[in-house]
Amino acid sequence: DTELYRNAGRKTSSLLDTFGIPSAAFKTGLQFDRGGKRNPKQYVPYIYLTIQLTHYRPEDVTNRHLLLYNGVIDYVPGLKSELDHISSKKLNMIIAMVSKGMSDGRSADLSSVKHKGLQSIGLNMYSKADALDPPIPEIEDKSMCGLNHPQLACLLCPRKKLDCAMAALQAGEITMMAHNWPTFFYEHGIYDAAEKTHGLFRNHIVLRFYKHLFIGPSSIMNDASNVRNSVKPSKNRAWGLTAVNKYIITYVHIITHFTISSAQHWTQCIGDMDLDELLWAIIEMLDDDDDPWVKDTLVWWNRYIF
């Protein structure tokens, strides 16, 4: 049973909310399942504390918890009915295993792309002209990454300020925050002030990170035989994924951002950049299924992947 719950945690991290907190999500979800009212201040202190410390609206925090809670239920057959009569001991074990699965899955992904991901940054991976200069050695320390590397600093810089602010950014005079999309979010790093969503979420770097994480490292080189013959099945194959959605696109952008940065260990905040806020800002941009731009963005992703 424990592996089943850990696997649900791995899915939750990659497919829903990598910053989600299972204990809070289960408290909220169980309250709703047992007839709780939609007033988060009344029954889950964590939600109220979150609202006080962030700009999130109460309903956003509640819905976020329910997303994770219902996701875990979907990933574990029979869990929904078991929750009606579950003991506190069993529930705490499930929450602990889901949390561990989320952490383990994210750690495995970060380790996998830590060095190989940087090798796929150049538009032409076979050209020395597109390679990182200076090259970044495959060592544990990431101090050469992020704003300490000229090319990576350009990728992280808010695109609207890239043309005039690189020196100021590296000097710490300009902050990177979730409401300013970094350059690597745009196709070829090009930002069109007249059409602000043009090329957004279509950068080749993030697409390659997706392929590495969900299909396999060989897929970046279009080596289909190695992908099929891999001993470890890809996420897409193991989890039966047949399409890319807003949550997957968001997760890959967050993992890419962290990998490019100089942060040594997984963290929610890198300087002034709150990756949790960034995650939900991306999801919000992709949230309207009827928006022609959202539809076109999802079509673009799925055309390249499936």
C-alpha atoms as a PDB file:
ATOM      1  CA  ASP A   1       0.000   0.000   0.000  1.00  0.00           C
ATOM      2  CA  THR A   2       2.754   2.465   0.856  1.00  0.00           C
ATOM      3  CA  GLU A   3       4.172   2.349  -2.679  1.00  0.00           C
ATOM      4  CA  LEU A   4       0.705   3.068  -4.075  1.00  0.00           C
ATOM      5  CA  TYR A   5       0.492   6.237  -1.993  1.00  0.00           C
ATOM      6  CA  ARG A   6       4.054   7.273  -2.810  1.00  0.00           C
ATOM      7  CA  ASN A   7       3.289   6.866  -6.502  1.00  0.00           C
ATOM      8  CA  ALA A   8       0.191   9.028  -6.041  1.00  0.00           C
ATOM      9  CA  GLY A   9       2.495  11.642  -4.531  1.00  0.00           C
ATOM     10  CA  ARG A  10       4.857  11.461  -7.509  1.00  0.00           C
ATOM     11  CA  LYS A  11       1.917  12.023  -9.858  1.00  0.00           C
ATOM     12  CA  THR A  12       0.562  14.841  -7.723  1.00  0.00           C
ATOM     13  CA  SER A  13       3.876  16.698  -7.838  1.00  0.00           C
ATOM     14  CA  SER A  14       4.291  16.418 -11.616  1.00  0.00           C
ATOM     15  CA  LEU A  15       0.676  16.603 -12.742  1.00  0.00           C
ATOM     16  CA  LEU A  16      -1.025  18.960 -10.270  1.00  0.00           C
ATOM     17  CA  ASP A  17       0.802  21.069  -7.668  1.00  0.00           C
ATOM     18  CA  THR A  18       4.435  20.493  -6.752  1.00  0.00           C
ATOM     19  CA  PHE A  19       4.133  22.957  -3.841  1.00  0.00           C
ATOM     20  CA  GLY A  20       0.933  21.411  -2.485  1.00  0.00           C
ATOM     21  CA  ILE A  21       0.767  20.302   1.149  1.00  0.00           C
ATOM     22  CA  PRO A  22      -1.098  16.984   1.465  1.00  0.00           C
ATOM     23  CA  SER A  23      -1.923  17.412   5.169  1.00  0.00           C
ATOM     24  CA  ALA A  24      -3.688  20.725   4.512  1.00  0.00           C
ATOM     25  CA  ALA A  25      -5.348  19.363   1.365  1.00  0.00           C
ATOM     26  CA  PHE A  26      -6.769  16.343   3.195  1.00  0.00           C
ATOM     27  CA  LYS A  27      -8.086  18.493   6.049  1.00  0.00           C
ATOM     28  CA  THR A  28      -9.901  20.704   3.567  1.00  0.00           C
ATOM     29  CA  GLY A  29     -11.111  17.831   1.401  1.00  0.00           C
ATOM     30  CA  LEU A  30     -12.460  15.782   4.289  1.00  0.00           C
ATOM     31  CA  GLN A  31     -14.279  18.822   5.658  1.00  0.00           C
ATOM     32  CA  PHE A  32     -16.038  19.299   2.335  1.00  0.00           C
ATOM     33  CA  ASP A  33     -16.836  15.605   1.981  1.00  0.00           C
ATOM     34  CA  ARG A  34     -18.398  15.697   5.444  1.00  0.00           C
ATOM     35  CA  GLY A  35     -20.586  18.695   4.722  1.00  0.00           C
ATOM     36  CA  GLY A  36     -18.267  21.561   5.588  1.00  0.00           C
ATOM     37  CA  LYS A  37     -19.151  25.057   4.414  1.00  0.00           C
ATOM     38  CA  ARG A  38     -17.107  27.085   1.975  1.00  0.00           C
ATOM     39  CA  ASN A  39     -15.715  29.367   4.660  1.00  0.00           C
ATOM     40  CA  PRO A  40     -12.085  28.316   5.023  1.00  0.00           C
ATOM     41  CA  LYS A  41     -11.482  30.493   8.099  1.00  0.00           C
ATOM     42  CA  GLN A  42     -13.886  28.344  10.113  1.00  0.00           C
ATOM     43  CA  TYR A  43     -12.298  24.939   9.797  1.00  0.00           C
ATOM     44  CA  VAL A  44      -8.691  24.897   8.597  1.00  0.00           C
ATOM     45  CA  PRO A  45      -6.292  27.264  10.394  1.00  0.00           C
ATOM     46  CA  TYR A  46      -3.622  26.607   7.735  1.00  0.00           C
ATOM     47  CA  ILE A  47      -5.810  28.130   5.026  1.00  0.00           C
ATOM     48  CA  TYR A  48      -6.428  31.274   7.059  1.00  0.00           C
ATOM     49  CA  LEU A  49      -2.707  31.581   7.806  1.00  0.00           C
ATOM     50  CA  THR A  50      -1.917  31.171   4.100  1.00  0.00           C
ATOM     51  CA  ILE A  51      -4.390  33.913   3.226  1.00  0.00           C
ATOM     52  CA  GLN A  52      -2.835  36.225   5.828  1.00  0.00           C
ATOM     53  CA  LEU A  53       0.723  35.668   4.576  1.00  0.00           C
ATOM     54  CA  THR A  54       0.065  35.793   0.816  1.00  0.00           C
ATOM     55  CA  HIS A  55      -2.079  37.595  -1.724  1.00  0.00           C
ATOM     56  CA  TYR A  56      -4.136  34.473  -2.475  1.00  0.00           C
ATOM     57  CA  ARG A  57      -7.908  34.761  -2.191  1.00  0.00           C
ATOM     58  CA  PRO A  58      -9.626  32.365   0.254  1.00  0.00           C
ATOM     59  CA  GLU A  59     -11.414  30.531  -2.545  1.00  0.00           C
ATOM     60  CA  ASP A  60      -8.125  30.087  -4.420  1.00  0.00           C
ATOM     61  CA  VAL A  61      -6.485  28.423  -1.425  1.00  0.00           C
ATOM     62  CA  THR A  62      -9.498  26.179  -0.879  1.00  0.00           C
ATOM     63  CA  ASN A  63      -9.710  25.162  -4.527  1.00  0.00           C
ATOM     64  CA  ARG A  64      -5.996  24.457  -4.575  1.00  0.00           C
ATOM     65  CA  HIS A  65      -6.342  22.086  -1.624  1.00  0.00           C
ATOM     66  CA  LEU A  66      -9.312  20.359  -3.239  1.00  0.00           C
ATOM     67  CA  LEU A  67      -7.372  19.929  -6.486  1.00  0.00           C
ATOM     68  CA  LEU A  68      -4.636  18.014  -4.672  1.00  0.00           C
ATOM     69  CA  TYR A  69      -7.057  16.068  -2.465  1.00  0.00           C
ATOM     70  CA  ASN A  70      -9.241  14.931  -5.360  1.00  0.00           C
ATOM     71  CA  GLY A  71      -6.163  14.165  -7.431  1.00  0.00           C
ATOM     72  CA  VAL A  72      -4.798  11.765  -4.815  1.00  0.00           C
ATOM     73  CA  ILE A  73      -8.220  10.102  -4.573  1.00  0.00           C
ATOM     74  CA  ASP A  74      -8.235   9.609  -8.354  1.00  0.00           C
ATOM     75  CA  TYR A  75      -4.738   8.112  -8.261  1.00  0.00           C
ATOM     76  CA  VAL A  76      -5.515   5.589  -5.475  1.00  0.00           C
ATOM     77  CA  PRO A  77      -8.353   3.172  -6.337  1.00  0.00           C
ATOM     78  CA  GLY A  78     -10.728   2.630  -3.433  1.00  0.00           C
ATOM     79  CA  LEU A  79      -9.372   5.473  -1.318  1.00  0.00           C
ATOM     80  CA  LYS A  80     -12.560   7.544  -1.585  1.00  0.00           C
ATOM     81  CA  SER A  81     -14.719   4.908   0.122  1.00  0.00           C
ATOM     82  CA  GLU A  82     -12.002   4.068   2.654  1.00  0.00           C
ATOM     83  CA  LEU A  83     -11.893   7.672   3.864  1.00  0.00           C
ATOM     84  CA  ASP A  84     -15.440   7.346   5.217  1.00  0.00           C
ATOM     85  CA  HIS A  85     -14.233   5.099   8.048  1.00  0.00           C
ATOM     86  CA  ILE A  86     -10.459   5.526   8.084  1.00  0.00           C
ATOM     87  CA  SER A  87      -8.496   5.670  11.338  1.00  0.00           C
ATOM     88  CA  SER A  88      -6.326   8.657  12.188  1.00  0.00           C
ATOM     89  CA  LYS A  89      -3.264   6.414  12.158  1.00  0.00           C
ATOM     90  CA  LYS A  90      -3.964   5.142   8.632  1.00  0.00           C
ATOM     91  CA  LEU A  91      -4.801   8.640   7.369  1.00  0.00           C
ATOM     92  CA  ASN A  92      -1.576  10.054   8.769  1.00  0.00           C
ATOM     93  CA  MET A  93       0.368   7.237   7.100  1.00  0.00           C
ATOM     94  CA  ILE A  94      -1.284   7.976   3.745  1.00  0.00           C
ATOM     95  CA  ILE A  95      -0.537  11.694   4.034  1.00  0.00           C
ATOM     96  CA  ALA A  96       3.084  10.968   4.981  1.00  0.00           C
ATOM     97  CA  MET A  97       3.558   8.596   2.035  1.00  0.00           C
ATOM     98  CA  VAL A  98       1.960  11.037  -0.442  1.00  0.00           C
ATOM     99  CA  SER A  99       4.240  13.796   0.878  1.00  0.00           C
ATOM    100  CA  LYS A 100       7.275  11.544   0.538  1.00  0.00           C
ATOM    101  CA  GLY A 101       6.275  10.593  -2.996  1.00  0.00           C
ATOM    102  CA  MET A 102       5.967  14.253  -3.961  1.00  0.00           C
ATOM    103  CA  SER A 103       9.401  15.023  -2.542  1.00  0.00           C
ATOM    104  CA  ASP A 104      11.043  11.928  -4.041  1.00  0.00           C
ATOM    105  CA  GLY A 105       9.529  12.506  -7.475  1.00  0.00           C
ATOM    106  CA  ARG A 106      10.574  16.132  -7.618  1.00  0.00           C
ATOM    107  CA  SER A 107      14.075  15.316  -6.350  1.00  0.00           C
ATOM    108  CA  ALA A 108      14.478  12.638  -9.016  1.00  0.00           C
ATOM    109  CA  ASP A 109      13.401  15.072 -11.730  1.00  0.00           C
ATOM    110  CA  LEU A 110      15.726  17.821 -10.517  1.00  0.00           C
ATOM    111  CA  SER A 111      18.650  15.420 -10.318  1.00  0.00           C
ATOM    112  CA  SER A 112      17.937  14.128 -13.812  1.00  0.00           C
ATOM    113  CA  VAL A 113      17.957  17.569 -15.476  1.00  0.00           C
ATOM    114  CA  LYS A 114      20.560  19.271 -13.265  1.00  0.00           C
ATOM    115  CA  HIS A 115      23.355  18.823 -15.813  1.00  0.00           C
ATOM    116  CA  LYS A 116      21.696  17.289 -18.875  1.00  0.00           C
ATOM    117  CA  GLY A 117      19.068  20.022 -18.901  1.00  0.00           C
ATOM    118  CA  LEU A 118      21.719  22.705 -19.223  1.00  0.00           C
ATOM    119  CA  GLN A 119      23.142  20.842 -22.218  1.00  0.00           C
ATOM    120  CA  SER A 120      19.847  21.306 -24.061  1.00  0.00           C
ATOM    121  CA  ILE A 121      19.651  25.081 -23.681  1.00  0.00           C
ATOM    122  CA  GLY A 122      21.287  26.040 -26.972  1.00  0.00           C
ATOM    123  CA  LEU A 123      18.906  26.194 -29.917  1.00  0.00           C
ATOM    124  CA  ASN A 124      21.332  23.991 -31.841  1.00  0.00           C
ATOM    125  CA  MET A 125      22.685  21.501 -29.309  1.00  0.00           C
ATOM    126  CA  TYR A 126      25.381  20.387 -31.768  1.00  0.00           C
ATOM    127  CA  SER A 127      26.782  23.864 -32.386  1.00  0.00           C
ATOM    128  CA  LYS A 128      29.630  25.283 -30.307  1.00  0.00           C
ATOM    129  CA  ALA A 129      28.286  28.723 -31.129  1.00  0.00           C
ATOM    130  CA  ASP A 130      25.097  27.942 -29.171  1.00  0.00           C
ATOM    131  CA  ALA A 131      26.818  26.218 -26.241  1.00  0.00           C
ATOM    132  CA  LEU A 132      27.021  27.819 -22.816  1.00  0.00           C
ATOM    133  CA  ASP A 133      30.084  30.040 -22.555  1.00  0.00           C
ATOM    134  CA  PRO A 134      31.721  29.689 -20.134  1.00  0.00           C
ATOM    135  CA  PRO A 135      30.781  26.003 -19.889  1.00  0.00           C
ATOM    136  CA  ILE A 136      29.300  24.808 -16.601  1.00  0.00           C
ATOM    137  CA  PRO A 137      31.060  21.764 -15.116  1.00  0.00           C
ATOM    138  CA  GLU A 138      29.011  18.774 -13.964  1.00  0.00           C
ATOM    139  CA  ILE A 139      29.548  19.292 -10.260  1.00  0.00           C
ATOM    140  CA  GLU A 140      27.220  19.574  -7.278  1.00  0.00           C
ATOM    141  CA  ASP A 141      27.776  23.306  -6.810  1.00  0.00           C
ATOM    142  CA  LYS A 142      25.501  25.607  -8.865  1.00  0.00           C
ATOM    143  CA  SER A 143      27.253  28.890  -8.142  1.00  0.00           C
ATOM    144  CA  MET A 144      28.120  29.320 -11.846  1.00  0.00           C
ATOM    145  CA  CYS A 145      24.431  29.174 -12.795  1.00  0.00           C
ATOM    146  CA  GLY A 146      21.669  31.748 -12.618  1.00  0.00           C
ATOM    147  CA  LEU A 147      22.625  35.411 -12.624  1.00  0.00           C
ATOM    148  CA  ASN A 148      26.290  34.441 -12.316  1.00  0.00           C
ATOM    149  CA  HIS A 149      26.311  33.157 -15.902  1.00  0.00           C
ATOM    150  CA  PRO A 150      25.761  35.636 -18.763  1.00  0.00           C
ATOM    151  CA  GLN A 151      23.536  33.410 -20.913  1.00  0.00           C
ATOM    152  CA  LEU A 152      21.515  31.991 -18.037  1.00  0.00           C
ATOM    153  CA  ALA A 153      21.077  35.488 -16.602  1.00  0.00           C
ATOM    154  CA  CYS A 154      19.554  36.541 -19.921  1.00  0.00           C
ATOM    155  CA  LEU A 155      17.119  33.629 -19.779  1.00  0.00           C
ATOM    156  CA  LEU A 156      16.012  34.505 -16.239  1.00  0.00           C
ATOM    157  CA  CYS A 157      15.788  38.251 -16.792  1.00  0.00           C
ATOM    158  CA  PRO A 158      12.242  39.648 -17.143  1.00  0.00           C
ATOM    159  CA  ARG A 159      11.893  39.813 -20.931  1.00  0.00           C
ATOM    160  CA  LYS A 160      10.379  43.283 -20.923  1.00  0.00           C
ATOM    161  CA  LYS A 161      13.552  44.579 -19.253  1.00  0.00           C
ATOM    162  CA  LEU A 162      16.152  42.442 -21.005  1.00  0.00           C
ATOM    163  CA  ASP A 163      17.262  44.962 -23.609  1.00  0.00           C
ATOM    164  CA  CYS A 164      18.248  47.657 -21.117  1.00  0.00           C
ATOM    165  CA  ALA A 165      18.657  46.054 -17.733  1.00  0.00           C
ATOM    166  CA  MET A 166      21.048  43.102 -17.704  1.00  0.00           C
ATOM    167  CA  ALA A 167      23.761  44.929 -15.758  1.00  0.00           C
ATOM    168  CA  ALA A 168      21.207  46.225 -13.263  1.00  0.00           C
ATOM    169  CA  LEU A 169      19.741  42.741 -12.869  1.00  0.00           C
ATOM    170  CA  GLN A 170      23.094  41.153 -12.100  1.00  0.00           C
ATOM    171  CA  ALA A 171      23.844  43.966  -9.649  1.00  0.00           C
ATOM    172  CA  GLY A 172      20.613  43.207  -7.810  1.00  0.00           C
ATOM    173  CA  GLU A 173      19.005  46.500  -8.770  1.00  0.00           C
ATOM    174  CA  ILE A 174      16.129  44.810 -10.613  1.00  0.00           C
ATOM    175  CA  THR A 175      14.076  42.079  -9.004  1.00  0.00           C
ATOM    176  CA  MET A 176      12.667  38.994 -10.671  1.00  0.00           C
ATOM    177  CA  MET A 177       9.088  38.400  -9.596  1.00  0.00           C
ATOM    178  CA  ALA A 178       6.246  36.146 -10.676  1.00  0.00           C
ATOM    179  CA  HIS A 179       4.308  38.867 -12.510  1.00  0.00           C
ATOM    180  CA  ASN A 180       7.207  39.513 -14.931  1.00  0.00           C
ATOM    181  CA  TRP A 181       7.689  36.544 -17.266  1.00  0.00           C
ATOM    182  CA  PRO A 182      11.362  35.593 -17.714  1.00  0.00           C
ATOM    183  CA  THR A 183      12.895  35.588 -21.173  1.00  0.00           C
ATOM    184  CA  PHE A 184      12.993  31.786 -21.480  1.00  0.00           C
ATOM    185  CA  PHE A 185       9.173  31.673 -21.318  1.00  0.00           C
ATOM    186  CA  TYR A 186       9.023  33.098 -24.860  1.00  0.00           C
ATOM    187  CA  GLU A 187       9.709  31.409 -28.176  1.00  0.00           C
ATOM    188  CA  HIS A 188      13.301  32.313 -29.145  1.00  0.00           C
ATOM    189  CA  GLY A 189      13.240  34.741 -26.193  1.00  0.00           C
ATOM    190  CA  ILE A 190      11.307  37.277 -28.279  1.00  0.00           C
ATOM    191  CA  TYR A 191       8.739  39.529 -26.584  1.00  0.00           C
ATOM    192  CA  ASP A 192       6.203  41.491 -28.643  1.00  0.00           C
ATOM    193  CA  ALA A 193       4.909  44.474 -26.664  1.00  0.00           C
ATOM    194  CA  ALA A 194       2.028  44.859 -29.114  1.00  0.00           C
ATOM    195  CA  GLU A 195       0.986  41.201 -28.741  1.00  0.00           C
ATOM    196  CA  LYS A 196       2.128  40.189 -25.276  1.00  0.00           C
ATOM    197  CA  THR A 197       1.134  36.526 -25.467  1.00  0.00           C
ATOM    198  CA  HIS A 198       2.875  35.914 -28.778  1.00  0.00           C
ATOM    199  CA  GLY A 199       5.290  33.007 -28.327  1.00  0.00           C
ATOM    200  CA  LEU A 200       4.567  32.747 -24.587  1.00  0.00           C
ATOM    201  CA  PHE A 201       5.196  29.238 -23.147  1.00  0.00           C
ATOM    202  CA  ARG A 202       6.681  28.040 -26.455  1.00  0.00           C
ATOM    203  CA  ASN A 203      10.405  28.101 -25.779  1.00  0.00           C
ATOM    204  CA  HIS A 204      12.500  25.186 -27.041  1.00  0.00           C
ATOM    205  CA  ILE A 205      14.276  24.842 -23.675  1.00  0.00           C
ATOM    206  CA  VAL A 206      11.098  24.068 -21.741  1.00  0.00           C
ATOM    207  CA  LEU A 207       9.911  21.732 -24.496  1.00  0.00           C
ATOM    208  CA  ARG A 208      13.178  19.780 -24.215  1.00  0.00           C
ATOM    209  CA  PHE A 209      12.878  19.650 -20.426  1.00  0.00           C
ATOM    210  CA  TYR A 210       9.407  18.172 -20.880  1.00  0.00           C
ATOM    211  CA  LYS A 211      10.713  15.529 -23.262  1.00  0.00           C
ATOM    212  CA  HIS A 212      13.549  14.671 -20.884  1.00  0.00           C
ATOM    213  CA  LEU A 213      11.247  14.340 -17.862  1.00  0.00           C
ATOM    214  CA  PHE A 214       8.141  12.766 -19.380  1.00  0.00           C
ATOM    215  CA  ILE A 215       9.450  10.755 -22.354  1.00  0.00           C
ATOM    216  CA  GLY A 216      13.131  10.211 -21.618  1.00  0.00           C
ATOM    217  CA  PRO A 217      16.483  11.952 -22.232  1.00  0.00           C
ATOM    218  CA  SER A 218      16.923  10.134 -25.560  1.00  0.00           C
ATOM    219  CA  SER A 219      13.759  11.742 -26.925  1.00  0.00           C
ATOM    220  CA  ILE A 220      15.511  15.110 -27.104  1.00  0.00           C
ATOM    221  CA  MET A 221      17.776  13.595 -29.750  1.00  0.00           C
ATOM    222  CA  ASN A 222      14.727  11.997 -31.423  1.00  0.00           C
ATOM    223  CA  ASP A 223      16.155   8.561 -30.611  1.00  0.00           C
ATOM    224  CA  ALA A 224      12.896   6.612 -30.552  1.00  0.00           C
ATOM    225  CA  SER A 225      14.585   3.209 -30.239  1.00  0.00           C
ATOM    226  CA  ASN A 226      16.331   4.129 -26.978  1.00  0.00           C
ATOM    227  CA  VAL A 227      13.091   5.569 -25.616  1.00  0.00           C
ATOM    228  CA  ARG A 228      11.166   2.359 -26.365  1.00  0.00           C
ATOM    229  CA  ASN A 229      13.910   0.085 -25.036  1.00  0.00           C
ATOM    230  CA  SER A 230      14.520   2.001 -21.820  1.00  0.00           C
ATOM    231  CA  VAL A 231      14.473  -0.220 -18.729  1.00  0.00           C
ATOM    232  CA  LYS A 232      12.545   2.409 -16.787  1.00  0.00           C
ATOM    233  CA  PRO A 233       9.230   3.363 -18.426  1.00  0.00           C
ATOM    234  CA  SER A 234       8.657   7.045 -19.115  1.00  0.00           C
ATOM    235  CA  LYS A 235       6.133   9.028 -17.121  1.00  0.00           C
ATOM    236  CA  ASN A 236       3.885   9.175 -20.167  1.00  0.00           C
ATOM    237  CA  ARG A 237       3.908   5.400 -20.563  1.00  0.00           C
ATOM    238  CA  ALA A 238       3.803   4.497 -16.859  1.00  0.00           C
ATOM    239  CA  TRP A 239       1.003   6.934 -16.088  1.00  0.00           C
ATOM    240  CA  GLY A 240      -0.945   6.572 -19.337  1.00  0.00           C
ATOM    241  CA  LEU A 241      -0.561  10.215 -20.326  1.00  0.00           C
ATOM    242  CA  THR A 242      -1.873  11.006 -23.800  1.00  0.00           C
ATOM    243  CA  ALA A 243      -1.893  14.813 -23.753  1.00  0.00           C
ATOM    244  CA  VAL A 244      -0.129  17.789 -22.231  1.00  0.00           C
ATOM    245  CA  ASN A 245      -2.273  20.068 -20.053  1.00  0.00           C
ATOM    246  CA  LYS A 246      -1.846  23.341 -18.173  1.00  0.00           C
ATOM    247  CA  TYR A 247      -0.560  21.673 -15.007  1.00  0.00           C
ATOM    248  CA  ILE A 248       2.150  19.718 -16.819  1.00  0.00           C
ATOM    249  CA  ILE A 249       3.246  22.778 -18.796  1.00  0.00           C
ATOM    250  CA  THR A 250       3.443  24.715 -15.542  1.00  0.00           C
ATOM    251  CA  TYR A 251       5.443  22.042 -13.710  1.00  0.00           C
ATOM    252  CA  VAL A 252       8.052  21.885 -16.465  1.00  0.00           C
ATOM    253  CA  HIS A 253       8.444  25.669 -16.480  1.00  0.00           C
ATOM    254  CA  ILE A 254       9.034  25.654 -12.709  1.00  0.00           C
ATOM    255  CA  ILE A 255      11.581  22.819 -12.897  1.00  0.00           C
ATOM    256  CA  THR A 256      13.353  24.607 -15.761  1.00  0.00           C
ATOM    257  CA  HIS A 257      13.467  27.882 -13.836  1.00  0.00           C
ATOM    258  CA  PHE A 258      14.981  26.205 -10.784  1.00  0.00           C
ATOM    259  CA  THR A 259      17.540  24.298 -12.880  1.00  0.00           C
ATOM    260  CA  ILE A 260      18.749  27.454 -14.618  1.00  0.00           C
ATOM    261  CA  SER A 261      18.994  29.336 -11.321  1.00  0.00           C
ATOM    262  CA  SER A 262      21.900  29.231  -8.881  1.00  0.00           C
ATOM    263  CA  ALA A 263      19.753  27.842  -6.047  1.00  0.00           C
ATOM    264  CA  GLN A 264      21.619  24.921  -4.495  1.00  0.00           C
ATOM    265  CA  HIS A 265      18.637  23.129  -2.948  1.00  0.00           C
ATOM    266  CA  TRP A 266      14.927  22.977  -3.723  1.00  0.00           C
ATOM    267  CA  THR A 267      13.209  26.052  -2.366  1.00  0.00           C
ATOM    268  CA  GLN A 268      10.026  28.006  -2.973  1.00  0.00           C
ATOM    269  CA  CYS A 269      11.748  31.394  -3.133  1.00  0.00           C
ATOM    270  CA  ILE A 270      14.887  32.286  -5.078  1.00  0.00           C
ATOM    271  CA  GLY A 271      15.640  35.870  -4.148  1.00  0.00           C
ATOM    272  CA  ASP A 272      12.438  37.810  -4.817  1.00  0.00           C
ATOM    273  CA  MET A 273      11.077  35.151  -7.164  1.00  0.00           C
ATOM    274  CA  ASP A 274       8.381  33.064  -5.484  1.00  0.00           C
ATOM    275  CA  LEU A 275       8.116  29.895  -7.574  1.00  0.00           C
ATOM    276  CA  ASP A 276       4.786  29.029  -5.970  1.00  0.00           C
ATOM    277  CA  GLU A 277       3.338  32.346  -7.143  1.00  0.00           C
ATOM    278  CA  LEU A 278       4.898  31.789 -10.554  1.00  0.00           C
ATOM    279  CA  LEU A 279       3.318  28.333 -10.755  1.00  0.00           C
ATOM    280  CA  TRP A 280      -0.173  29.665 -10.149  1.00  0.00           C
ATOM    281  CA  ALA A 281       0.370  32.659 -12.418  1.00  0.00           C
ATOM    282  CA  ILE A 282       1.094  30.247 -15.289  1.00  0.00           C
ATOM    283  CA  ILE A 283      -1.921  28.086 -14.449  1.00  0.00           C
ATOM    284  CA  GLU A 284      -4.116  31.182 -14.365  1.00  0.00           C
ATOM    285  CA  MET A 285      -2.865  32.226 -17.818  1.00  0.00           C
ATOM    286  CA  LEU A 286      -3.829  28.802 -19.179  1.00  0.00           C
ATOM    287  CA  ASP A 287      -7.046  28.413 -17.195  1.00  0.00           C
ATOM    288  CA  ASP A 288      -9.659  29.536 -19.727  1.00  0.00           C
ATOM    289  CA  ASP A 289     -10.343  26.516 -21.929  1.00  0.00           C
ATOM    290  CA  ASP A 290     -12.420  28.666 -24.299  1.00  0.00           C
ATOM    291  CA  ASP A 291      -9.690  31.254 -24.898  1.00  0.00           C
ATOM    292  CA  PRO A 292      -8.381  30.867 -28.488  1.00  0.00           C
ATOM    293  CA  TRP A 293      -4.814  31.590 -27.344  1.00  0.00           C
ATOM    294  CA  VAL A 294      -5.010  28.898 -24.647  1.00  0.00           C
ATOM    295  CA  LYS A 295      -6.389  26.408 -27.160  1.00  0.00           C
ATOM    296  CA  ASP A 296      -3.644  27.263 -29.628  1.00  0.00           C
ATOM    297  CA  THR A 297      -0.943  26.944 -26.949  1.00  0.00           C
ATOM    298  CA  LEU A 298      -2.128  23.463 -25.945  1.00  0.00           C
ATOM    299  CA  VAL A 299      -2.351  22.423 -29.599  1.00  0.00           C
ATOM    300  CA  TRP A 300       1.226  23.626 -30.113  1.00  0.00           C
ATOM    301  CA  TRP A 301       2.502  21.570 -27.187  1.00  0.00           C
ATOM    302  CA  ASN A 302       0.623  18.419 -28.094  1.00  0.00           C
ATOM    303  CA  ARG A 303       1.663  18.656 -31.733  1.00  0.00           C
ATOM    304  CA  TYR A 304       5.315  18.516 -30.691  1.00  0.00           C
ATOM    305  CA  ILE A 305       4.841  15.756 -28.110  1.00  0.00           C
ATOM    306  CA  PHE A 306       2.188  13.328 -29.337  1.00  0.00           C
END
